[in-house]
Structures are given as C-alpha cells and as structure tokens.
Amino acid sequence: MTWNPIEDTVLVYETPDGAYATRRARLWEDPETRAHRCVLTEAADDQGMSIVDAAADVADAVEKAWGAHCAVIEHHPAKGAEPERFDAVAVDRFGEATRTPLDPAGLAAELPGLVDAA
C-alpha cells in the first residue's frame, strides 16, 4: 500500500538537557486508515541532541504535532562507510526507546518521495 505525503517541515523539540533541537520531519498518511508515519531525518548540521539520545522527547513532540497514533521513524543518512538507515521507534511509559530496523527499499515503496527528497 502506498501512503500519501502530506507534510515536509522542521520539528523543534526540547531535549533532556533543556536545549532545543531541530530535525526535518516528513509526514505520510495511510489513505484508508488515516494513520500517520513521521520520518525524522538527523543531518550532520542539525542543532541539538541526537534523536537517538532524546527518543522520548522526539516521540512526545511528534505526538503533540500529529497525534498519539503517529508512528515515529528515525532516518540516519549515509555517513562515510555507514549506509543510510531507518528505525521504527517505540517509547514505553518509562521513556525507554526500542528501535526496530526497517528495510529502506520496502519503506521507500510505501512512502513516495522518501528517498528522492532525503
């Protein structure tokens, strides 16, 4: 199933150290269920704490912006020998994050423009 791209913006969130971070946020919507997926890209020149270290704060900011049922996906562009990667992020009630690696090709097939506009 192909999801519809609906927003490409910058998400600003407060990190555990009290500073603010900015990340590119792209949002897609399932045309049948209206569920959302938010892909947050961490670029080398982004401000603030890494999304890896602030997962609970990122998830909270995404929930405030797009609702509780918006799936959070971390996007880490290729860097040197490290390939591009995407991880689904789930945060439990204690603020602990669990990451599940996603297949970039499969994700790109579902989310039009994901790779083209990365």
PDB file of N, CA and C in Angstrom:
ATOM      1  N   MET A   1       0.844  -1.179   0.000  1.00  0.00           N
ATOM      2  CA  MET A   1       0.000   0.000   0.000  1.00  0.00           C
ATOM      3  C   MET A   1       0.886   1.238   0.000  1.00  0.00           C
ATOM      4  N   THR A   2       0.493   2.239  -0.754  1.00  0.00           N
ATOM      5  CA  THR A   2       1.231   3.485  -0.832  1.00  0.00           C
ATOM      6  C   THR A   2       0.571   4.540   0.049  1.00  0.00           C
ATOM      7  N   TRP A   3       1.385   5.177   0.879  1.00  0.00           N
ATOM      8  CA  TRP A   3       0.915   6.237   1.758  1.00  0.00           C
ATOM      9  C   TRP A   3       1.046   7.583   1.034  1.00  0.00           C
ATOM     10  N   ASN A   4       0.237   8.560   1.426  1.00  0.00           N
ATOM     11  CA  ASN A   4       0.256   9.880   0.805  1.00  0.00           C
ATOM     12  C   ASN A   4       1.138  10.843   1.598  1.00  0.00           C
ATOM     13  N   PRO A   5       2.088  11.520   0.911  1.00  0.00           N
ATOM     14  CA  PRO A   5       2.885  12.533   1.612  1.00  0.00           C
ATOM     15  C   PRO A   5       1.991  13.733   1.916  1.00  0.00           C
ATOM     16  N   ILE A   6       2.033  14.219   3.153  1.00  0.00           N
ATOM     17  CA  ILE A   6       1.163  15.348   3.495  1.00  0.00           C
ATOM     18  C   ILE A   6       1.893  16.543   4.108  1.00  0.00           C
ATOM     19  N   GLU A   7       3.137  16.349   4.562  1.00  0.00           N
ATOM     20  CA  GLU A   7       3.847  17.487   5.153  1.00  0.00           C
ATOM     21  C   GLU A   7       5.348  17.251   5.128  1.00  0.00           C
ATOM     22  N   ASP A   8       6.097  18.339   4.922  1.00  0.00           N
ATOM     23  CA  ASP A   8       7.562  18.327   4.980  1.00  0.00           C
ATOM     24  C   ASP A   8       7.931  19.609   5.705  1.00  0.00           C
ATOM     25  N   THR A   9       8.396  19.476   6.952  1.00  0.00           N
ATOM     26  CA  THR A   9       8.588  20.639   7.798  1.00  0.00           C
ATOM     27  C   THR A   9       9.799  20.434   8.700  1.00  0.00           C
ATOM     28  N   VAL A  10       9.984  21.333   9.635  1.00  0.00           N
ATOM     29  CA  VAL A  10      11.032  21.209  10.643  1.00  0.00           C
ATOM     30  C   VAL A  10      10.358  21.042  11.994  1.00  0.00           C
ATOM     31  N   LEU A  11      10.748  20.003  12.712  1.00  0.00           N
ATOM     32  CA  LEU A  11      10.228  19.760  14.054  1.00  0.00           C
ATOM     33  C   LEU A  11      11.240  20.311  15.058  1.00  0.00           C
ATOM     34  N   VAL A  12      10.757  21.112  15.989  1.00  0.00           N
ATOM     35  CA  VAL A  12      11.597  21.645  17.063  1.00  0.00           C
ATOM     36  C   VAL A  12      11.127  20.996  18.352  1.00  0.00           C
ATOM     37  N   TYR A  13      12.073  20.450  19.117  1.00  0.00           N
ATOM     38  CA  TYR A  13      11.699  19.819  20.379  1.00  0.00           C
ATOM     39  C   TYR A  13      12.747  20.112  21.442  1.00  0.00           C
ATOM     40  N   GLU A  14      12.285  20.089  22.696  1.00  0.00           N
ATOM     41  CA  GLU A  14      13.190  20.312  23.821  1.00  0.00           C
ATOM     42  C   GLU A  14      13.822  18.982  24.213  1.00  0.00           C
ATOM     43  N   THR A  15      15.116  19.011  24.444  1.00  0.00           N
ATOM     44  CA  THR A  15      15.860  17.804  24.781  1.00  0.00           C
ATOM     45  C   THR A  15      16.047  17.705  26.299  1.00  0.00           C
ATOM     46  N   PRO A  16      16.477  16.533  26.799  1.00  0.00           N
ATOM     47  CA  PRO A  16      16.622  16.357  28.248  1.00  0.00           C
ATOM     48  C   PRO A  16      17.547  17.377  28.922  1.00  0.00           C
ATOM     49  N   ASP A  17      18.481  17.954  28.163  1.00  0.00           N
ATOM     50  CA  ASP A  17      19.392  18.936  28.756  1.00  0.00           C
ATOM     51  C   ASP A  17      18.817  20.353  28.746  1.00  0.00           C
ATOM     52  N   GLY A  18      17.552  20.502  28.316  1.00  0.00           N
ATOM     53  CA  GLY A  18      16.881  21.801  28.333  1.00  0.00           C
ATOM     54  C   GLY A  18      17.117  22.634  27.089  1.00  0.00           C
ATOM     55  N   ALA A  19      17.912  22.139  26.165  1.00  0.00           N
ATOM     56  CA  ALA A  19      18.164  22.855  24.916  1.00  0.00           C
ATOM     57  C   ALA A  19      17.086  22.474  23.900  1.00  0.00           C
ATOM     58  N   TYR A  20      17.138  23.106  22.747  1.00  0.00           N
ATOM     59  CA  TYR A  20      16.184  22.782  21.691  1.00  0.00           C
ATOM     60  C   TYR A  20      16.924  22.165  20.511  1.00  0.00           C
ATOM     61  N   ALA A  21      16.268  21.240  19.860  1.00  0.00           N
ATOM     62  CA  ALA A  21      16.833  20.566  18.707  1.00  0.00           C
ATOM     63  C   ALA A  21      15.891  20.740  17.521  1.00  0.00           C
ATOM     64  N   THR A  22      16.443  20.720  16.333  1.00  0.00           N
ATOM     65  CA  THR A  22      15.642  20.814  15.114  1.00  0.00           C
ATOM     66  C   THR A  22      15.959  19.623  14.217  1.00  0.00           C
ATOM     67  N   ARG A  23      14.916  19.055  13.633  1.00  0.00           N
ATOM     68  CA  ARG A  23      15.055  17.930  12.720  1.00  0.00           C
ATOM     69  C   ARG A  23      14.044  18.082  11.590  1.00  0.00           C
ATOM     70  N   ARG A  24      14.417  17.608  10.419  1.00  0.00           N
ATOM     71  CA  ARG A  24      13.480  17.581   9.308  1.00  0.00           C
ATOM     72  C   ARG A  24      12.434  16.517   9.617  1.00  0.00           C
ATOM     73  N   ALA A  25      11.171  16.861   9.442  1.00  0.00           N
ATOM     74  CA  ALA A  25      10.066  15.928   9.701  1.00  0.00           C
ATOM     75  C   ALA A  25       9.209  15.845   8.444  1.00  0.00           C
ATOM     76  N   ARG A  26       9.064  14.609   7.947  1.00  0.00           N
ATOM     77  CA  ARG A  26       8.203  14.370   6.791  1.00  0.00           C
ATOM     78  C   ARG A  26       7.093  13.434   7.236  1.00  0.00           C
ATOM     79  N   LEU A  27       5.878  13.785   6.852  1.00  0.00           N
ATOM     80  CA  LEU A  27       4.711  13.053   7.312  1.00  0.00           C
ATOM     81  C   LEU A  27       3.962  12.452   6.129  1.00  0.00           C
ATOM     82  N   TRP A  28       3.569  11.177   6.303  1.00  0.00           N
ATOM     83  CA  TRP A  28       2.754  10.465   5.316  1.00  0.00           C
ATOM     84  C   TRP A  28       1.496   9.968   6.011  1.00  0.00           C
ATOM     85  N   GLU A  29       0.416   9.832   5.237  1.00  0.00           N
ATOM     86  CA  GLU A  29      -0.863   9.364   5.771  1.00  0.00           C
ATOM     87  C   GLU A  29      -1.345   8.160   4.977  1.00  0.00           C
ATOM     88  N   ASP A  30      -1.836   7.153   5.698  1.00  0.00           N
ATOM     89  CA  ASP A  30      -2.461   5.991   5.077  1.00  0.00           C
ATOM     90  C   ASP A  30      -3.823   6.457   4.549  1.00  0.00           C
ATOM     91  N   PRO A  31      -4.081   6.324   3.255  1.00  0.00           N
ATOM     92  CA  PRO A  31      -5.327   6.829   2.686  1.00  0.00           C
ATOM     93  C   PRO A  31      -6.576   6.107   3.198  1.00  0.00           C
ATOM     94  N   GLU A  32      -6.411   4.894   3.696  1.00  0.00           N
ATOM     95  CA  GLU A  32      -7.571   4.147   4.182  1.00  0.00           C
ATOM     96  C   GLU A  32      -7.831   4.376   5.665  1.00  0.00           C
ATOM     97  N   THR A  33      -6.793   4.287   6.488  1.00  0.00           N
ATOM     98  CA  THR A  33      -6.979   4.354   7.946  1.00  0.00           C
ATOM     99  C   THR A  33      -6.726   5.737   8.530  1.00  0.00           C
ATOM    100  N   ARG A  34      -6.092   6.608   7.758  1.00  0.00           N
ATOM    101  CA  ARG A  34      -5.696   7.952   8.210  1.00  0.00           C
ATOM    102  C   ARG A  34      -4.565   7.907   9.241  1.00  0.00           C
ATOM    103  N   ALA A  35      -3.934   6.752   9.418  1.00  0.00           N
ATOM    104  CA  ALA A  35      -2.766   6.646  10.305  1.00  0.00           C
ATOM    105  C   ALA A  35      -1.622   7.452   9.698  1.00  0.00           C
ATOM    106  N   HIS A  36      -0.721   7.896  10.557  1.00  0.00           N
ATOM    107  CA  HIS A  36       0.412   8.712  10.110  1.00  0.00           C
ATOM    108  C   HIS A  36       1.742   8.043  10.415  1.00  0.00           C
ATOM    109  N   ARG A  37       2.726   8.349   9.576  1.00  0.00           N
ATOM    110  CA  ARG A  37       4.119   7.986   9.823  1.00  0.00           C
ATOM    111  C   ARG A  37       4.938   9.260   9.681  1.00  0.00           C
ATOM    112  N   CYS A  38       5.773   9.516  10.659  1.00  0.00           N
ATOM    113  CA  CYS A  38       6.641  10.684  10.642  1.00  0.00           C
ATOM    114  C   CYS A  38       8.080  10.212  10.560  1.00  0.00           C
ATOM    115  N   VAL A  39       8.768  10.609   9.496  1.00  0.00           N
ATOM    116  CA  VAL A  39      10.178  10.268   9.316  1.00  0.00           C
ATOM    117  C   VAL A  39      10.995  11.496   9.708  1.00  0.00           C
ATOM    118  N   LEU A  40      11.812  11.320  10.738  1.00  0.00           N
ATOM    119  CA  LEU A  40      12.657  12.400  11.243  1.00  0.00           C
ATOM    120  C   LEU A  40      14.090  12.162  10.788  1.00  0.00           C
ATOM    121  N   THR A  41      14.611  13.110  10.035  1.00  0.00           N
ATOM    122  CA  THR A  41      15.957  12.986   9.498  1.00  0.00           C
ATOM    123  C   THR A  41      16.925  13.783  10.350  1.00  0.00           C
ATOM    124  N   GLU A  42      18.001  13.125  10.737  1.00  0.00           N
ATOM    125  CA  GLU A  42      19.048  13.790  11.502  1.00  0.00           C
ATOM    126  C   GLU A  42      20.228  14.054  10.574  1.00  0.00           C
ATOM    127  N   ALA A  43      20.402  15.311  10.216  1.00  0.00           N
ATOM    128  CA  ALA A  43      21.517  15.708   9.357  1.00  0.00           C
ATOM    129  C   ALA A  43      22.698  16.142  10.230  1.00  0.00           C
ATOM    130  N   ALA A  44      23.883  16.077   9.670  1.00  0.00           N
ATOM    131  CA  ALA A  44      25.102  16.398  10.418  1.00  0.00           C
ATOM    132  C   ALA A  44      25.096  17.827  10.956  1.00  0.00           C
ATOM    133  N   ASP A  45      24.451  18.750  10.259  1.00  0.00           N
ATOM    134  CA  ASP A  45      24.459  20.151  10.697  1.00  0.00           C
ATOM    135  C   ASP A  45      23.230  20.542  11.522  1.00  0.00           C
ATOM    136  N   ASP A  46      22.396  19.575  11.913  1.00  0.00           N
ATOM    137  CA  ASP A  46      21.226  19.885  12.735  1.00  0.00           C
ATOM    138  C   ASP A  46      21.661  20.349  14.124  1.00  0.00           C
ATOM    139  N   GLN A  47      20.836  21.199  14.704  1.00  0.00           N
ATOM    140  CA  GLN A  47      21.082  21.718  16.046  1.00  0.00           C
ATOM    141  C   GLN A  47      20.602  20.732  17.103  1.00  0.00           C
ATOM    142  N   GLY A  48      21.295  20.658  18.235  1.00  0.00           N
ATOM    143  CA  GLY A  48      20.791  19.947  19.404  1.00  0.00           C
ATOM    144  C   GLY A  48      21.153  18.487  19.493  1.00  0.00           C
ATOM    145  N   MET A  49      20.680  17.891  20.589  1.00  0.00           N
ATOM    146  CA  MET A  49      20.956  16.499  20.935  1.00  0.00           C
ATOM    147  C   MET A  49      20.412  15.549  19.875  1.00  0.00           C
ATOM    148  N   SER A  50      21.126  14.475  19.652  1.00  0.00           N
ATOM    149  CA  SER A  50      20.741  13.454  18.676  1.00  0.00           C
ATOM    150  C   SER A  50      19.367  12.875  18.993  1.00  0.00           C
ATOM    151  N   ILE A  51      18.637  12.515  17.941  1.00  0.00           N
ATOM    152  CA  ILE A  51      17.339  11.878  18.157  1.00  0.00           C
ATOM    153  C   ILE A  51      17.504  10.523  18.844  1.00  0.00           C
ATOM    154  N   VAL A  52      18.662   9.921  18.712  1.00  0.00           N
ATOM    155  CA  VAL A  52      18.927   8.652  19.384  1.00  0.00           C
ATOM    156  C   VAL A  52      18.937   8.850  20.904  1.00  0.00           C
ATOM    157  N   ASP A  53      19.471   9.986  21.355  1.00  0.00           N
ATOM    158  CA  ASP A  53      19.580  10.262  22.790  1.00  0.00           C
ATOM    159  C   ASP A  53      18.345  10.936  23.379  1.00  0.00           C
ATOM    160  N   ALA A  54      17.434  11.352  22.535  1.00  0.00           N
ATOM    161  CA  ALA A  54      16.251  12.073  23.008  1.00  0.00           C
ATOM    162  C   ALA A  54      14.965  11.463  22.467  1.00  0.00           C
ATOM    163  N   ALA A  55      14.929  10.141  22.354  1.00  0.00           N
ATOM    164  CA  ALA A  55      13.787   9.463  21.717  1.00  0.00           C
ATOM    165  C   ALA A  55      12.454   9.792  22.379  1.00  0.00           C
ATOM    166  N   ALA A  56      12.411   9.813  23.702  1.00  0.00           N
ATOM    167  CA  ALA A  56      11.152  10.099  24.394  1.00  0.00           C
ATOM    168  C   ALA A  56      10.683  11.521  24.098  1.00  0.00           C
ATOM    169  N   ASP A  57      11.608  12.461  24.047  1.00  0.00           N
ATOM    170  CA  ASP A  57      11.254  13.851  23.758  1.00  0.00           C
ATOM    171  C   ASP A  57      10.794  14.016  22.311  1.00  0.00           C
ATOM    172  N   VAL A  58      11.451  13.302  21.405  1.00  0.00           N
ATOM    173  CA  VAL A  58      11.062  13.334  19.998  1.00  0.00           C
ATOM    174  C   VAL A  58       9.655  12.752  19.844  1.00  0.00           C
ATOM    175  N   ALA A  59       9.411  11.600  20.450  1.00  0.00           N
ATOM    176  CA  ALA A  59       8.093  10.963  20.356  1.00  0.00           C
ATOM    177  C   ALA A  59       7.006  11.863  20.936  1.00  0.00           C
ATOM    178  N   ASP A  60       7.311  12.547  22.028  1.00  0.00           N
ATOM    179  CA  ASP A  60       6.354  13.468  22.639  1.00  0.00           C
ATOM    180  C   ASP A  60       6.054  14.642  21.699  1.00  0.00           C
ATOM    181  N   ALA A  61       7.089  15.189  21.074  1.00  0.00           N
ATOM    182  CA  ALA A  61       6.890  16.311  20.150  1.00  0.00           C
ATOM    183  C   ALA A  61       6.078  15.880  18.933  1.00  0.00           C
ATOM    184  N   VAL A  62       6.345  14.677  18.421  1.00  0.00           N
ATOM    185  CA  VAL A  62       5.578  14.159  17.282  1.00  0.00           C
ATOM    186  C   VAL A  62       4.118  13.960  17.681  1.00  0.00           C
ATOM    187  N   GLU A  63       3.893  13.403  18.874  1.00  0.00           N
ATOM    188  CA  GLU A  63       2.515  13.198  19.343  1.00  0.00           C
ATOM    189  C   GLU A  63       1.773  14.525  19.464  1.00  0.00           C
ATOM    190  N   LYS A  64       2.435  15.549  20.011  1.00  0.00           N
ATOM    191  CA  LYS A  64       1.797  16.863  20.142  1.00  0.00           C
ATOM    192  C   LYS A  64       1.482  17.473  18.779  1.00  0.00           C
ATOM    193  N   ALA A  65       2.361  17.255  17.812  1.00  0.00           N
ATOM    194  CA  ALA A  65       2.173  17.847  16.488  1.00  0.00           C
ATOM    195  C   ALA A  65       1.157  17.096  15.629  1.00  0.00           C
ATOM    196  N   TRP A  66       1.179  15.736  15.697  1.00  0.00           N
ATOM    197  CA  TRP A  66       0.370  14.960  14.750  1.00  0.00           C
ATOM    198  C   TRP A  66      -0.494  13.869  15.382  1.00  0.00           C
ATOM    199  N   GLY A  67      -0.540  13.802  16.693  1.00  0.00           N
ATOM    200  CA  GLY A  67      -1.419  12.846  17.348  1.00  0.00           C
ATOM    201  C   GLY A  67      -0.708  11.611  17.874  1.00  0.00           C
ATOM    202  N   ALA A  68      -1.388  10.935  18.794  1.00  0.00           N
ATOM    203  CA  ALA A  68      -0.811   9.795  19.509  1.00  0.00           C
ATOM    204  C   ALA A  68      -0.565   8.586  18.616  1.00  0.00           C
ATOM    205  N   HIS A  69      -1.226   8.503  17.502  1.00  0.00           N
ATOM    206  CA  HIS A  69      -1.097   7.310  16.659  1.00  0.00           C
ATOM    207  C   HIS A  69      -0.181   7.543  15.461  1.00  0.00           C
ATOM    208  N   CYS A  70       0.719   8.498  15.608  1.00  0.00           N
ATOM    209  CA  CYS A  70       1.686   8.776  14.548  1.00  0.00           C
ATOM    210  C   CYS A  70       2.953   7.978  14.832  1.00  0.00           C
ATOM    211  N   ALA A  71       3.286   7.079  13.931  1.00  0.00           N
ATOM    212  CA  ALA A  71       4.492   6.261  14.093  1.00  0.00           C
ATOM    213  C   ALA A  71       5.730   7.117  13.855  1.00  0.00           C
ATOM    214  N   VAL A  72       6.740   6.922  14.685  1.00  0.00           N
ATOM    215  CA  VAL A  72       7.990   7.675  14.591  1.00  0.00           C
ATOM    216  C   VAL A  72       9.049   6.789  13.939  1.00  0.00           C
ATOM    217  N   ILE A  73       9.687   7.332  12.910  1.00  0.00           N
ATOM    218  CA  ILE A  73      10.760   6.630  12.218  1.00  0.00           C
ATOM    219  C   ILE A  73      11.980   7.540  12.185  1.00  0.00           C
ATOM    220  N   GLU A  74      13.091   7.061  12.756  1.00  0.00           N
ATOM    221  CA  GLU A  74      14.346   7.804  12.699  1.00  0.00           C
ATOM    222  C   GLU A  74      15.013   7.518  11.359  1.00  0.00           C
ATOM    223  N   HIS A  75      15.526   8.574  10.736  1.00  0.00           N
ATOM    224  CA  HIS A  75      16.261   8.432   9.486  1.00  0.00           C
ATOM    225  C   HIS A  75      17.674   8.969   9.709  1.00  0.00           C
ATOM    226  N   HIS A  76      18.642   8.104   9.471  1.00  0.00           N
ATOM    227  CA  HIS A  76      20.041   8.491   9.567  1.00  0.00           C
ATOM    228  C   HIS A  76      20.649   8.357   8.176  1.00  0.00           C
ATOM    229  N   PRO A  77      20.931   9.497   7.518  1.00  0.00           N
ATOM    230  CA  PRO A  77      21.513   9.436   6.175  1.00  0.00           C
ATOM    231  C   PRO A  77      22.867   8.720   6.192  1.00  0.00           C
ATOM    232  N   ALA A  78      23.274   8.239   5.018  1.00  0.00           N
ATOM    233  CA  ALA A  78      24.574   7.574   4.893  1.00  0.00           C
ATOM    234  C   ALA A  78      25.667   8.542   5.353  1.00  0.00           C
ATOM    235  N   LYS A  79      26.662   7.977   6.030  1.00  0.00           N
ATOM    236  CA  LYS A  79      27.765   8.804   6.538  1.00  0.00           C
ATOM    237  C   LYS A  79      29.041   7.973   6.442  1.00  0.00           C
ATOM    238  N   GLY A  80      29.928   8.374   5.544  1.00  0.00           N
ATOM    239  CA  GLY A  80      31.154   7.610   5.354  1.00  0.00           C
ATOM    240  C   GLY A  80      30.830   6.188   4.908  1.00  0.00           C
ATOM    241  N   ALA A  81      31.353   5.228   5.650  1.00  0.00           N
ATOM    242  CA  ALA A  81      31.113   3.812   5.324  1.00  0.00           C
ATOM    243  C   ALA A  81      29.771   3.309   5.848  1.00  0.00           C
ATOM    244  N   GLU A  82      29.110   4.100   6.699  1.00  0.00           N
ATOM    245  CA  GLU A  82      27.820   3.685   7.257  1.00  0.00           C
ATOM    246  C   GLU A  82      26.708   3.949   6.249  1.00  0.00           C
ATOM    247  N   PRO A  83      25.912   2.929   5.939  1.00  0.00           N
ATOM    248  CA  PRO A  83      24.808   3.135   4.984  1.00  0.00           C
ATOM    249  C   PRO A  83      23.643   3.889   5.638  1.00  0.00           C
ATOM    250  N   GLU A  84      22.797   4.441   4.788  1.00  0.00           N
ATOM    251  CA  GLU A  84      21.568   5.069   5.253  1.00  0.00           C
ATOM    252  C   GLU A  84      20.758   4.039   6.023  1.00  0.00           C
ATOM    253  N   ARG A  85      20.081   4.490   7.104  1.00  0.00           N
ATOM    254  CA  ARG A  85      19.242   3.543   7.829  1.00  0.00           C
ATOM    255  C   ARG A  85      17.984   4.235   8.361  1.00  0.00           C
ATOM    256  N   PHE A  86      16.953   3.399   8.549  1.00  0.00           N
ATOM    257  CA  PHE A  86      15.672   3.845   9.091  1.00  0.00           C
ATOM    258  C   PHE A  86      15.322   2.906  10.238  1.00  0.00           C
ATOM    259  N   ASP A  87      14.889   3.474  11.358  1.00  0.00           N
ATOM    260  CA  ASP A  87      14.491   2.673  12.516  1.00  0.00           C
ATOM    261  C   ASP A  87      13.124   3.139  13.009  1.00  0.00           C
ATOM    262  N   ALA A  88      12.196   2.190  13.168  1.00  0.00           N
ATOM    263  CA  ALA A  88      10.923   2.495  13.824  1.00  0.00           C
ATOM    264  C   ALA A  88      11.231   2.637  15.307  1.00  0.00           C
ATOM    265  N   VAL A  89      10.637   3.632  15.959  1.00  0.00           N
ATOM    266  CA  VAL A  89      10.910   3.899  17.363  1.00  0.00           C
ATOM    267  C   VAL A  89       9.622   3.789  18.166  1.00  0.00           C
ATOM    268  N   ALA A  90       9.679   3.007  19.224  1.00  0.00           N
ATOM    269  CA  ALA A  90       8.560   2.906  20.168  1.00  0.00           C
ATOM    270  C   ALA A  90       9.103   3.285  21.534  1.00  0.00           C
ATOM    271  N   VAL A  91       8.364   4.117  22.250  1.00  0.00           N
ATOM    272  CA  VAL A  91       8.781   4.554  23.578  1.00  0.00           C
ATOM    273  C   VAL A  91       7.766   4.043  24.588  1.00  0.00           C
ATOM    274  N   ASP A  92       8.255   3.345  25.625  1.00  0.00           N
ATOM    275  CA  ASP A  92       7.343   2.811  26.632  1.00  0.00           C
ATOM    276  C   ASP A  92       6.993   3.881  27.668  1.00  0.00           C
ATOM    277  N   ARG A  93       6.161   3.527  28.615  1.00  0.00           N
ATOM    278  CA  ARG A  93       5.673   4.505  29.605  1.00  0.00           C
ATOM    279  C   ARG A  93       6.773   5.002  30.541  1.00  0.00           C
ATOM    280  N   PHE A  94       7.918   4.341  30.527  1.00  0.00           N
ATOM    281  CA  PHE A  94       9.048   4.769  31.345  1.00  0.00           C
ATOM    282  C   PHE A  94      10.025   5.637  30.557  1.00  0.00           C
ATOM    283  N   GLY A  95       9.711   5.891  29.294  1.00  0.00           N
ATOM    284  CA  GLY A  95      10.566   6.716  28.451  1.00  0.00           C
ATOM    285  C   GLY A  95      11.700   5.966  27.784  1.00  0.00           C
ATOM    286  N   GLU A  96      11.657   4.638  27.860  1.00  0.00           N
ATOM    287  CA  GLU A  96      12.696   3.823  27.225  1.00  0.00           C
ATOM    288  C   GLU A  96      12.316   3.541  25.773  1.00  0.00           C
ATOM    289  N   ALA A  97      13.278   3.733  24.890  1.00  0.00           N
ATOM    290  CA  ALA A  97      13.020   3.553  23.467  1.00  0.00           C
ATOM    291  C   ALA A  97      13.463   2.182  22.983  1.00  0.00           C
ATOM    292  N   THR A  98      12.663   1.631  22.098  1.00  0.00           N
ATOM    293  CA  THR A  98      13.010   0.401  21.398  1.00  0.00           C
ATOM    294  C   THR A  98      13.033   0.735  19.914  1.00  0.00           C
ATOM    295  N   ARG A  99      14.106   0.341  19.244  1.00  0.00           N
ATOM    296  CA  ARG A  99      14.248   0.611  17.822  1.00  0.00           C
ATOM    297  C   ARG A  99      14.193  -0.682  17.033  1.00  0.00           C
ATOM    298  N   THR A 100      13.471  -0.625  15.924  1.00  0.00           N
ATOM    299  CA  THR A 100      13.374  -1.771  15.028  1.00  0.00           C
ATOM    300  C   THR A 100      13.868  -1.323  13.653  1.00  0.00           C
ATOM    301  N   PRO A 101      14.953  -1.910  13.161  1.00  0.00           N
ATOM    302  CA  PRO A 101      15.447  -1.530  11.831  1.00  0.00           C
ATOM    303  C   PRO A 101      14.400  -1.823  10.755  1.00  0.00           C
ATOM    304  N   LEU A 102      14.282  -0.912   9.809  1.00  0.00           N
ATOM    305  CA  LEU A 102      13.340  -1.061   8.700  1.00  0.00           C
ATOM    306  C   LEU A 102      14.120  -1.208   7.395  1.00  0.00           C
ATOM    307  N   ASP A 103      13.553  -1.948   6.479  1.00  0.00           N
ATOM    308  CA  ASP A 103      14.157  -2.130   5.166  1.00  0.00           C
ATOM    309  C   ASP A 103      13.965  -0.848   4.359  1.00  0.00           C
ATOM    310  N   PRO A 104      15.059  -0.158   4.002  1.00  0.00           N
ATOM    311  CA  PRO A 104      14.910   1.102   3.260  1.00  0.00           C
ATOM    312  C   PRO A 104      14.139   0.962   1.955  1.00  0.00           C
ATOM    313  N   ALA A 105      14.370  -0.117   1.205  1.00  0.00           N
ATOM    314  CA  ALA A 105      13.671  -0.292  -0.072  1.00  0.00           C
ATOM    315  C   ALA A 105      12.175  -0.510   0.144  1.00  0.00           C
ATOM    316  N   GLY A 106      11.810  -1.312   1.126  1.00  0.00           N
ATOM    317  CA  GLY A 106      10.404  -1.551   1.422  1.00  0.00           C
ATOM    318  C   GLY A 106       9.712  -0.296   1.903  1.00  0.00           C
ATOM    319  N   LEU A 107      10.405   0.468   2.750  1.00  0.00           N
ATOM    320  CA  LEU A 107       9.838   1.709   3.261  1.00  0.00           C
ATOM    321  C   LEU A 107       9.659   2.721   2.128  1.00  0.00           C
ATOM    322  N   ALA A 108      10.650   2.812   1.250  1.00  0.00           N
ATOM    323  CA  ALA A 108      10.572   3.743   0.122  1.00  0.00           C
ATOM    324  C   ALA A 108       9.416   3.390  -0.813  1.00  0.00           C
ATOM    325  N   ALA A 109       9.106   2.098  -0.940  1.00  0.00           N
ATOM    326  CA  ALA A 109       7.983   1.679  -1.783  1.00  0.00           C
ATOM    327  C   ALA A 109       6.652   2.128  -1.195  1.00  0.00           C
ATOM    328  N   GLU A 110       6.564   2.199   0.124  1.00  0.00           N
ATOM    329  CA  GLU A 110       5.326   2.620   0.786  1.00  0.00           C
ATOM    330  C   GLU A 110       5.201   4.136   0.904  1.00  0.00           C
ATOM    331  N   LEU A 111       6.335   4.827   1.044  1.00  0.00           N
ATOM    332  CA  LEU A 111       6.338   6.272   1.288  1.00  0.00           C
ATOM    333  C   LEU A 111       6.942   6.999   0.089  1.00  0.00           C
ATOM    334  N   PRO A 112       6.111   7.427  -0.867  1.00  0.00           N
ATOM    335  CA  PRO A 112       6.618   8.098  -2.066  1.00  0.00           C
ATOM    336  C   PRO A 112       7.446   9.333  -1.726  1.00  0.00           C
ATOM    337  N   GLY A 113       8.582   9.473  -2.399  1.00  0.00           N
ATOM    338  CA  GLY A 113       9.439  10.635  -2.190  1.00  0.00           C
ATOM    339  C   GLY A 113      10.417  10.481  -1.053  1.00  0.00           C
ATOM    340  N   LEU A 114      10.353   9.385  -0.321  1.00  0.00           N
ATOM    341  CA  LEU A 114      11.232   9.205   0.835  1.00  0.00           C
ATOM    342  C   LEU A 114      12.700   9.284   0.432  1.00  0.00           C
ATOM    343  N   VAL A 115      13.084   8.550  -0.578  1.00  0.00           N
ATOM    344  CA  VAL A 115      14.476   8.518  -0.992  1.00  0.00           C
ATOM    345  C   VAL A 115      14.812   9.700  -1.884  1.00  0.00           C
ATOM    346  N   ASP A 116      13.912  10.070  -2.774  1.00  0.00           N
ATOM    347  CA  ASP A 116      14.177  11.169  -3.704  1.00  0.00           C
ATOM    348  C   ASP A 116      14.466  12.484  -2.993  1.00  0.00           C
ATOM    349  N   ALA A 117      13.760  12.716  -1.890  1.00  0.00           N
ATOM    350  CA  ALA A 117      13.864  14.001  -1.203  1.00  0.00           C
ATOM    351  C   ALA A 117      14.673  13.918   0.075  1.00  0.00           C
ATOM    352  N   ALA A 118      15.382  12.823   0.287  1.00  0.00           N
ATOM    353  CA  ALA A 118      16.157  12.677   1.527  1.00  0.00           C
ATOM    354  C   ALA A 118      17.277  13.672   1.537  1.00  0.00           C
TER     355      ALA A 118
END
